[in-house]
Amino acid sequence: MADAYLADTLDPRTIVMTVRQDVHSAGIPVLCQSCEARHRGICGALDPDQLVGLAKTSSKHTVEPGSELMGDAETVDSYSNVLSGVVKLTKSLSDGRQQIVALQFAPDFLGRPFKVESVIHAEAATAVSLCSFPRASVERMMRESPDLEHRLLKQTLNELDDARDWMVTLGRKTAAEKVASFLLMIARNIDPTLDPNTNPTSFELPLTRADIADFLGLTIETVSRQLTRLRTDGVIRIDNNRHVTVDSLARLASRSGA
């Protein structure tokens, strides 16, 4: 009787949406149902049974800014999906100098499959939420699932394309274009739930001025001057020294030399 009353009082559209959500989530582990990486990351290549198997060995956790996620030349025991936040990847020289070589965002895959030792240092640039799983589990699934291997290869090739684009930024663009390119990259990647063409877009700078300068091959003073110029020209707004608002991504893109 109560069920009949409920069915009579519910909007039919609500019932249809609920049924669709139940079908869409059927067999999906609770740990994975609201996870962005399940749709856009490598886990999107797994069927419900594979997700259940992976979820049994997975753990979600959040780390504070500055926390080491992976050490250079460290034995790799696990991989992770980035669920939120920004990860800073660096390479070190023998004398201790470091260079930021890339940033990772959700739902990027953190780790180098089929390699016993890491070849890069990974650090949380902001508070970072991760879903981690044993290396052996993922590599076994990759051997069993061509779709998973294909998804990971595709992400790797996308990262290669991004690295080549960044080589152009570092090698050929002016200081003004470099800073605009950096801001554009952050605006388009920092929140995976947002439409990349949304205007306006707001975010917290994930790197300090010193790190931005290191990443772009500029001095701190040059980075500060270029940020001030973009703000003066009305391309961005900056509050509390770290919170950036971009009213028009198209206008920022034009300043990046894209």
C-alpha atoms as a PDB file:
ATOM      1  CA  MET A   1       0.000   0.000   0.000  1.00  0.00           C
ATOM      2  CA  ALA A   2       2.787   2.364   0.934  1.00  0.00           C
ATOM      3  CA  ASP A   3       4.641   1.488  -2.275  1.00  0.00           C
ATOM      4  CA  ALA A   4       1.534   2.236  -4.324  1.00  0.00           C
ATOM      5  CA  TYR A   5       1.093   5.571  -2.575  1.00  0.00           C
ATOM      6  CA  LEU A   6       4.735   6.434  -3.173  1.00  0.00           C
ATOM      7  CA  ALA A   7       4.467   5.553  -6.862  1.00  0.00           C
ATOM      8  CA  ASP A   8       1.376   7.779  -7.169  1.00  0.00           C
ATOM      9  CA  THR A   9       3.078  10.752  -5.521  1.00  0.00           C
ATOM     10  CA  LEU A  10       6.434  10.572  -7.302  1.00  0.00           C
ATOM     11  CA  ASP A  11       7.042  12.511 -10.501  1.00  0.00           C
ATOM     12  CA  PRO A  12       7.293   9.912 -13.335  1.00  0.00           C
ATOM     13  CA  ARG A  13      10.495  11.573 -14.502  1.00  0.00           C
ATOM     14  CA  THR A  14      12.011  10.950 -11.068  1.00  0.00           C
ATOM     15  CA  ILE A  15      11.092   7.261 -11.284  1.00  0.00           C
ATOM     16  CA  VAL A  16      12.656   6.947 -14.749  1.00  0.00           C
ATOM     17  CA  MET A  17      15.843   8.716 -13.631  1.00  0.00           C
ATOM     18  CA  THR A  18      16.092   6.486 -10.547  1.00  0.00           C
ATOM     19  CA  VAL A  19      15.682   3.327 -12.639  1.00  0.00           C
ATOM     20  CA  ARG A  20      18.311   4.538 -15.098  1.00  0.00           C
ATOM     21  CA  GLN A  21      20.733   5.286 -12.263  1.00  0.00           C
ATOM     22  CA  ASP A  22      20.129   1.832 -10.742  1.00  0.00           C
ATOM     23  CA  VAL A  23      20.776   0.160 -14.097  1.00  0.00           C
ATOM     24  CA  HIS A  24      23.845   2.302 -14.691  1.00  0.00           C
ATOM     25  CA  SER A  25      25.216   1.391 -11.238  1.00  0.00           C
ATOM     26  CA  ALA A  26      24.197  -2.264 -11.266  1.00  0.00           C
ATOM     27  CA  GLY A  27      27.089  -4.408 -10.113  1.00  0.00           C
ATOM     28  CA  ILE A  28      29.375  -1.409  -9.584  1.00  0.00           C
ATOM     29  CA  PRO A  29      31.148  -1.369  -6.182  1.00  0.00           C
ATOM     30  CA  VAL A  30      30.058   1.423  -3.829  1.00  0.00           C
ATOM     31  CA  LEU A  31      33.688   2.597  -3.745  1.00  0.00           C
ATOM     32  CA  CYS A  32      33.539   3.220  -7.514  1.00  0.00           C
ATOM     33  CA  GLN A  33      30.005   4.562  -8.082  1.00  0.00           C
ATOM     34  CA  SER A  34      30.787   8.259  -7.587  1.00  0.00           C
ATOM     35  CA  CYS A  35      34.373   8.074  -8.833  1.00  0.00           C
ATOM     36  CA  GLU A  36      35.293  10.324 -11.751  1.00  0.00           C
ATOM     37  CA  ALA A  37      38.112   7.978 -12.800  1.00  0.00           C
ATOM     38  CA  ARG A  38      35.575   5.215 -13.436  1.00  0.00           C
ATOM     39  CA  HIS A  39      34.231   7.176 -16.398  1.00  0.00           C
ATOM     40  CA  ARG A  40      37.172   9.188 -17.687  1.00  0.00           C
ATOM     41  CA  GLY A  41      40.195   7.304 -16.334  1.00  0.00           C
ATOM     42  CA  ILE A  42      41.584   3.845 -16.940  1.00  0.00           C
ATOM     43  CA  CYS A  43      38.888   2.181 -14.818  1.00  0.00           C
ATOM     44  CA  GLY A  44      36.379   3.076 -17.531  1.00  0.00           C
ATOM     45  CA  ALA A  45      37.764   0.096 -19.457  1.00  0.00           C
ATOM     46  CA  LEU A  46      36.801  -2.385 -16.720  1.00  0.00           C
ATOM     47  CA  ASP A  47      33.532  -4.310 -16.543  1.00  0.00           C
ATOM     48  CA  PRO A  48      31.626  -4.569 -13.213  1.00  0.00           C
ATOM     49  CA  ASP A  49      33.262  -7.879 -12.253  1.00  0.00           C
ATOM     50  CA  GLN A  50      36.738  -6.452 -12.862  1.00  0.00           C
ATOM     51  CA  LEU A  51      35.856  -3.325 -10.873  1.00  0.00           C
ATOM     52  CA  VAL A  52      34.710  -5.511  -7.980  1.00  0.00           C
ATOM     53  CA  GLY A  53      38.005  -7.389  -8.097  1.00  0.00           C
ATOM     54  CA  LEU A  54      40.049  -4.196  -8.170  1.00  0.00           C
ATOM     55  CA  ALA A  55      37.934  -2.500  -5.472  1.00  0.00           C
ATOM     56  CA  LYS A  56      38.710  -5.342  -3.055  1.00  0.00           C
ATOM     57  CA  THR A  57      42.373  -4.311  -3.067  1.00  0.00           C
ATOM     58  CA  SER A  58      41.866  -0.540  -3.500  1.00  0.00           C
ATOM     59  CA  SER A  59      41.918   2.235  -0.945  1.00  0.00           C
ATOM     60  CA  LYS A  60      40.933   5.878  -1.180  1.00  0.00           C
ATOM     61  CA  HIS A  61      42.933   8.406   0.778  1.00  0.00           C
ATOM     62  CA  THR A  62      43.808  12.104   0.833  1.00  0.00           C
ATOM     63  CA  VAL A  63      47.316  13.514   1.298  1.00  0.00           C
ATOM     64  CA  GLU A  64      48.391  16.998   2.300  1.00  0.00           C
ATOM     65  CA  PRO A  65      50.268  19.438   0.040  1.00  0.00           C
ATOM     66  CA  GLY A  66      53.992  18.677  -0.049  1.00  0.00           C
ATOM     67  CA  SER A  67      53.561  14.965   0.669  1.00  0.00           C
ATOM     68  CA  GLU A  68      55.761  12.611  -1.340  1.00  0.00           C
ATOM     69  CA  LEU A  69      53.697  10.200  -3.420  1.00  0.00           C
ATOM     70  CA  MET A  70      56.514   8.448  -5.236  1.00  0.00           C
ATOM     71  CA  GLY A  71      60.272   8.733  -4.872  1.00  0.00           C
ATOM     72  CA  ASP A  72      62.825   8.736  -7.672  1.00  0.00           C
ATOM     73  CA  ALA A  73      64.456   5.281  -8.013  1.00  0.00           C
ATOM     74  CA  GLU A  74      62.010   3.916  -5.439  1.00  0.00           C
ATOM     75  CA  THR A  75      60.551   0.418  -5.717  1.00  0.00           C
ATOM     76  CA  VAL A  76      57.030   0.659  -7.138  1.00  0.00           C
ATOM     77  CA  ASP A  77      54.520  -1.336  -5.074  1.00  0.00           C
ATOM     78  CA  SER A  78      51.302   0.393  -6.100  1.00  0.00           C
ATOM     79  CA  TYR A  79      49.650   2.662  -8.645  1.00  0.00           C
ATOM     80  CA  SER A  80      46.993   5.322  -8.152  1.00  0.00           C
ATOM     81  CA  ASN A  81      44.243   7.190  -9.928  1.00  0.00           C
ATOM     82  CA  VAL A  82      44.252  10.919  -9.147  1.00  0.00           C
ATOM     83  CA  LEU A  83      40.702  11.738  -8.024  1.00  0.00           C
ATOM     84  CA  SER A  84      41.203  15.413  -7.208  1.00  0.00           C
ATOM     85  CA  GLY A  85      44.003  17.916  -6.719  1.00  0.00           C
ATOM     86  CA  VAL A  86      47.276  18.450  -8.554  1.00  0.00           C
ATOM     87  CA  VAL A  87      50.389  16.249  -8.532  1.00  0.00           C
ATOM     88  CA  LYS A  88      53.809  17.706  -9.324  1.00  0.00           C
ATOM     89  CA  LEU A  89      56.301  15.492 -11.170  1.00  0.00           C
ATOM     90  CA  THR A  90      60.011  16.342 -10.927  1.00  0.00           C
ATOM     91  CA  LYS A  91      63.343  14.997 -12.137  1.00  0.00           C
ATOM     92  CA  SER A  92      66.533  15.374 -10.135  1.00  0.00           C
ATOM     93  CA  LEU A  93      70.144  15.881 -11.177  1.00  0.00           C
ATOM     94  CA  SER A  94      73.095  14.306  -9.407  1.00  0.00           C
ATOM     95  CA  ASP A  95      73.888  17.570  -7.568  1.00  0.00           C
ATOM     96  CA  GLY A  96      70.393  17.790  -6.096  1.00  0.00           C
ATOM     97  CA  ARG A  97      68.879  20.281  -8.513  1.00  0.00           C
ATOM     98  CA  GLN A  98      65.297  19.559  -9.532  1.00  0.00           C
ATOM     99  CA  GLN A  99      63.123  20.415 -12.506  1.00  0.00           C
ATOM    100  CA  ILE A 100      59.330  20.240 -12.595  1.00  0.00           C
ATOM    101  CA  VAL A 101      58.590  18.256 -15.749  1.00  0.00           C
ATOM    102  CA  ALA A 102      54.804  17.802 -15.606  1.00  0.00           C
ATOM    103  CA  LEU A 103      51.625  18.235 -13.613  1.00  0.00           C
ATOM    104  CA  GLN A 104      48.938  15.589 -13.197  1.00  0.00           C
ATOM    105  CA  PHE A 105      45.235  16.146 -12.630  1.00  0.00           C
ATOM    106  CA  ALA A 106      42.164  13.964 -12.126  1.00  0.00           C
ATOM    107  CA  PRO A 107      41.677  11.331 -13.479  1.00  0.00           C
ATOM    108  CA  ASP A 108      45.340  10.781 -14.464  1.00  0.00           C
ATOM    109  CA  PHE A 109      47.085   7.500 -13.685  1.00  0.00           C
ATOM    110  CA  LEU A 110      50.035   7.869 -11.326  1.00  0.00           C
ATOM    111  CA  GLY A 111      52.773   5.311 -11.857  1.00  0.00           C
ATOM    112  CA  ARG A 112      54.837   3.588 -14.526  1.00  0.00           C
ATOM    113  CA  PRO A 113      53.487   0.093 -15.347  1.00  0.00           C
ATOM    114  CA  PHE A 114      55.900  -2.795 -15.900  1.00  0.00           C
ATOM    115  CA  LYS A 115      58.818  -1.012 -14.243  1.00  0.00           C
ATOM    116  CA  VAL A 116      60.222  -2.131 -10.907  1.00  0.00           C
ATOM    117  CA  GLU A 117      61.630   1.277  -9.934  1.00  0.00           C
ATOM    118  CA  SER A 118      60.161   4.722 -10.461  1.00  0.00           C
ATOM    119  CA  VAL A 119      62.081   7.120 -12.681  1.00  0.00           C
ATOM    120  CA  ILE A 120      60.436  10.285 -11.400  1.00  0.00           C
ATOM    121  CA  HIS A 121      59.537  12.011  -8.144  1.00  0.00           C
ATOM    122  CA  ALA A 122      55.853  12.733  -7.489  1.00  0.00           C
ATOM    123  CA  GLU A 123      54.659  15.199  -4.867  1.00  0.00           C
ATOM    124  CA  ALA A 124      51.245  16.568  -3.931  1.00  0.00           C
ATOM    125  CA  ALA A 125      51.179  20.194  -5.089  1.00  0.00           C
ATOM    126  CA  THR A 126      47.780  20.640  -3.418  1.00  0.00           C
ATOM    127  CA  ALA A 127      45.660  18.418  -1.220  1.00  0.00           C
ATOM    128  CA  VAL A 128      45.311  15.321  -3.405  1.00  0.00           C
ATOM    129  CA  SER A 129      42.733  12.538  -3.264  1.00  0.00           C
ATOM    130  CA  LEU A 130      43.919   9.187  -4.608  1.00  0.00           C
ATOM    131  CA  CYS A 131      42.574   5.721  -5.215  1.00  0.00           C
ATOM    132  CA  SER A 132      45.494   3.323  -4.871  1.00  0.00           C
ATOM    133  CA  PHE A 133      45.831  -0.347  -5.762  1.00  0.00           C
ATOM    134  CA  PRO A 134      48.644  -2.928  -5.762  1.00  0.00           C
ATOM    135  CA  ARG A 135      50.891  -2.982  -8.818  1.00  0.00           C
ATOM    136  CA  ALA A 136      50.465  -6.737  -9.248  1.00  0.00           C
ATOM    137  CA  SER A 137      46.661  -6.446  -9.446  1.00  0.00           C
ATOM    138  CA  VAL A 138      46.744  -3.778 -12.166  1.00  0.00           C
ATOM    139  CA  GLU A 139      49.410  -5.478 -14.252  1.00  0.00           C
ATOM    140  CA  ARG A 140      47.512  -8.766 -14.067  1.00  0.00           C
ATOM    141  CA  MET A 141      44.330  -7.029 -15.230  1.00  0.00           C
ATOM    142  CA  MET A 142      46.230  -5.364 -18.057  1.00  0.00           C
ATOM    143  CA  ARG A 143      47.330  -8.768 -19.309  1.00  0.00           C
ATOM    144  CA  GLU A 144      43.775 -10.068 -19.069  1.00  0.00           C
ATOM    145  CA  SER A 145      41.976  -6.996 -20.429  1.00  0.00           C
ATOM    146  CA  PRO A 146      43.049  -5.528 -23.799  1.00  0.00           C
ATOM    147  CA  ASP A 147      40.613  -2.629 -23.215  1.00  0.00           C
ATOM    148  CA  LEU A 148      42.420  -1.632 -20.035  1.00  0.00           C
ATOM    149  CA  GLU A 149      45.794  -1.837 -21.745  1.00  0.00           C
ATOM    150  CA  HIS A 150      44.404   0.225 -24.640  1.00  0.00           C
ATOM    151  CA  ARG A 151      43.011   2.874 -22.255  1.00  0.00           C
ATOM    152  CA  LEU A 152      46.347   3.186 -20.473  1.00  0.00           C
ATOM    153  CA  LEU A 153      48.215   3.391 -23.796  1.00  0.00           C
ATOM    154  CA  LYS A 154      45.853   6.127 -24.950  1.00  0.00           C
ATOM    155  CA  GLN A 155      46.455   8.133 -21.771  1.00  0.00           C
ATOM    156  CA  THR A 156      50.223   7.658 -22.169  1.00  0.00           C
ATOM    157  CA  LEU A 157      50.079   8.924 -25.749  1.00  0.00           C
ATOM    158  CA  ASN A 158      48.024  11.928 -24.629  1.00  0.00           C
ATOM    159  CA  GLU A 159      50.695  12.707 -22.041  1.00  0.00           C
ATOM    160  CA  LEU A 160      53.329  12.423 -24.785  1.00  0.00           C
ATOM    161  CA  ASP A 161      51.369  14.894 -26.929  1.00  0.00           C
ATOM    162  CA  ASP A 162      51.120  17.262 -23.947  1.00  0.00           C
ATOM    163  CA  ALA A 163      54.873  16.944 -23.328  1.00  0.00           C
ATOM    164  CA  ARG A 164      55.608  17.856 -26.958  1.00  0.00           C
ATOM    165  CA  ASP A 165      53.295  20.853 -26.754  1.00  0.00           C
ATOM    166  CA  TRP A 166      55.037  21.920 -23.547  1.00  0.00           C
ATOM    167  CA  MET A 167      58.411  21.665 -25.296  1.00  0.00           C
ATOM    168  CA  VAL A 168      57.134  24.257 -27.769  1.00  0.00           C
ATOM    169  CA  THR A 169      55.947  26.431 -24.891  1.00  0.00           C
ATOM    170  CA  LEU A 170      59.330  26.307 -23.161  1.00  0.00           C
ATOM    171  CA  GLY A 171      61.424  26.579 -26.310  1.00  0.00           C
ATOM    172  CA  ARG A 172      59.605  29.110 -28.453  1.00  0.00           C
ATOM    173  CA  LYS A 173      57.015  31.110 -26.550  1.00  0.00           C
ATOM    174  CA  THR A 174      57.605  34.482 -24.955  1.00  0.00           C
ATOM    175  CA  ALA A 175      57.450  34.944 -21.183  1.00  0.00           C
ATOM    176  CA  ALA A 176      53.947  36.417 -21.499  1.00  0.00           C
ATOM    177  CA  GLU A 177      52.773  33.447 -23.577  1.00  0.00           C
ATOM    178  CA  LYS A 178      54.341  30.957 -21.152  1.00  0.00           C
ATOM    179  CA  VAL A 179      52.496  32.358 -18.142  1.00  0.00           C
ATOM    180  CA  ALA A 180      49.212  32.517 -20.079  1.00  0.00           C
ATOM    181  CA  SER A 181      49.746  28.923 -21.269  1.00  0.00           C
ATOM    182  CA  PHE A 182      50.305  27.776 -17.687  1.00  0.00           C
ATOM    183  CA  LEU A 183      47.115  29.454 -16.456  1.00  0.00           C
ATOM    184  CA  LEU A 184      45.149  28.021 -19.377  1.00  0.00           C
ATOM    185  CA  MET A 185      46.376  24.503 -18.595  1.00  0.00           C
ATOM    186  CA  ILE A 186      45.328  24.847 -14.942  1.00  0.00           C
ATOM    187  CA  ALA A 187      41.918  26.308 -15.823  1.00  0.00           C
ATOM    188  CA  ARG A 188      41.142  23.463 -18.230  1.00  0.00           C
ATOM    189  CA  ASN A 189      42.313  20.612 -15.993  1.00  0.00           C
ATOM    190  CA  ILE A 190      42.057  21.414 -12.311  1.00  0.00           C
ATOM    191  CA  ASP A 191      38.379  20.433 -11.944  1.00  0.00           C
ATOM    192  CA  PRO A 192      37.367  17.427 -14.097  1.00  0.00           C
ATOM    193  CA  THR A 193      33.656  17.990 -13.389  1.00  0.00           C
ATOM    194  CA  LEU A 194      33.602  21.388 -15.117  1.00  0.00           C
ATOM    195  CA  ASP A 195      33.058  22.056 -18.787  1.00  0.00           C
ATOM    196  CA  PRO A 196      36.509  23.187 -20.059  1.00  0.00           C
ATOM    197  CA  ASN A 197      34.801  26.056 -21.910  1.00  0.00           C
ATOM    198  CA  THR A 198      32.953  27.351 -18.851  1.00  0.00           C
ATOM    199  CA  ASN A 199      33.225  31.104 -18.296  1.00  0.00           C
ATOM    200  CA  PRO A 200      34.140  32.456 -15.852  1.00  0.00           C
ATOM    201  CA  THR A 201      36.493  29.854 -14.370  1.00  0.00           C
ATOM    202  CA  SER A 202      38.058  30.158 -10.922  1.00  0.00           C
ATOM    203  CA  PHE A 203      40.824  28.163  -9.261  1.00  0.00           C
ATOM    204  CA  GLU A 204      43.577  28.312  -6.679  1.00  0.00           C
ATOM    205  CA  LEU A 205      47.093  28.403  -8.098  1.00  0.00           C
ATOM    206  CA  PRO A 206      48.479  24.924  -7.300  1.00  0.00           C
ATOM    207  CA  LEU A 207      52.106  26.086  -7.409  1.00  0.00           C
ATOM    208  CA  THR A 208      54.027  28.838  -5.671  1.00  0.00           C
ATOM    209  CA  ARG A 209      55.538  31.646  -7.735  1.00  0.00           C
ATOM    210  CA  ALA A 210      58.922  29.913  -7.353  1.00  0.00           C
ATOM    211  CA  ASP A 211      57.532  26.619  -8.663  1.00  0.00           C
ATOM    212  CA  ILE A 212      55.780  28.348 -11.569  1.00  0.00           C
ATOM    213  CA  ALA A 213      59.071  30.025 -12.458  1.00  0.00           C
ATOM    214  CA  ASP A 214      60.864  26.669 -12.299  1.00  0.00           C
ATOM    215  CA  PHE A 215      58.203  24.994 -14.432  1.00  0.00           C
ATOM    216  CA  LEU A 216      58.317  27.739 -17.070  1.00  0.00           C
ATOM    217  CA  GLY A 217      62.056  28.392 -17.076  1.00  0.00           C
ATOM    218  CA  LEU A 218      61.577  31.993 -15.916  1.00  0.00           C
ATOM    219  CA  THR A 219      62.552  34.065 -12.900  1.00  0.00           C
ATOM    220  CA  ILE A 220      60.088  34.682 -10.075  1.00  0.00           C
ATOM    221  CA  GLU A 221      60.134  38.393 -10.903  1.00  0.00           C
ATOM    222  CA  THR A 222      59.200  37.708 -14.530  1.00  0.00           C
ATOM    223  CA  VAL A 223      56.299  35.468 -13.502  1.00  0.00           C
ATOM    224  CA  SER A 224      55.006  38.161 -11.125  1.00  0.00           C
ATOM    225  CA  ARG A 225      55.284  40.859 -13.822  1.00  0.00           C
ATOM    226  CA  GLN A 226      53.379  38.774 -16.363  1.00  0.00           C
ATOM    227  CA  LEU A 227      50.623  37.936 -13.875  1.00  0.00           C
ATOM    228  CA  THR A 228      50.323  41.639 -13.059  1.00  0.00           C
ATOM    229  CA  ARG A 229      50.105  42.478 -16.778  1.00  0.00           C
ATOM    230  CA  LEU A 230      47.339  39.918 -17.349  1.00  0.00           C
ATOM    231  CA  ARG A 231      45.454  41.315 -14.378  1.00  0.00           C
ATOM    232  CA  THR A 232      45.922  44.922 -15.504  1.00  0.00           C
ATOM    233  CA  ASP A 233      44.649  44.021 -18.971  1.00  0.00           C
ATOM    234  CA  GLY A 234      41.550  42.416 -17.480  1.00  0.00           C
ATOM    235  CA  VAL A 235      42.373  38.899 -18.674  1.00  0.00           C
ATOM    236  CA  ILE A 236      42.453  37.500 -15.116  1.00  0.00           C
ATOM    237  CA  ARG A 237      41.536  38.556 -11.609  1.00  0.00           C
ATOM    238  CA  ILE A 238      43.671  37.564  -8.607  1.00  0.00           C
ATOM    239  CA  ASP A 239      42.452  37.548  -5.004  1.00  0.00           C
ATOM    240  CA  ASN A 240      44.537  36.771  -1.921  1.00  0.00           C
ATOM    241  CA  ASN A 241      47.589  36.235  -4.151  1.00  0.00           C
ATOM    242  CA  ARG A 242      46.508  32.674  -5.147  1.00  0.00           C
ATOM    243  CA  HIS A 243      42.844  32.676  -6.226  1.00  0.00           C
ATOM    244  CA  VAL A 244      42.571  33.290  -9.978  1.00  0.00           C
ATOM    245  CA  THR A 245      39.402  34.020 -11.965  1.00  0.00           C
ATOM    246  CA  VAL A 246      39.399  33.862 -15.758  1.00  0.00           C
ATOM    247  CA  ASP A 247      36.385  35.599 -17.286  1.00  0.00           C
ATOM    248  CA  SER A 248      37.121  34.431 -20.822  1.00  0.00           C
ATOM    249  CA  LEU A 249      39.151  31.309 -21.588  1.00  0.00           C
ATOM    250  CA  ALA A 250      39.173  32.293 -25.262  1.00  0.00           C
ATOM    251  CA  ARG A 251      40.839  35.582 -24.402  1.00  0.00           C
ATOM    252  CA  LEU A 252      43.395  33.826 -22.202  1.00  0.00           C
ATOM    253  CA  ALA A 253      44.060  31.319 -25.005  1.00  0.00           C
ATOM    254  CA  SER A 254      44.765  34.165 -27.415  1.00  0.00           C
ATOM    255  CA  ARG A 255      47.373  35.523 -24.999  1.00  0.00           C
ATOM    256  CA  SER A 256      49.007  32.076 -24.789  1.00  0.00           C
ATOM    257  CA  GLY A 257      49.957  32.040 -28.460  1.00  0.00           C
ATOM    258  CA  ALA A 258      47.599  29.139 -29.144  1.00  0.00           C
END
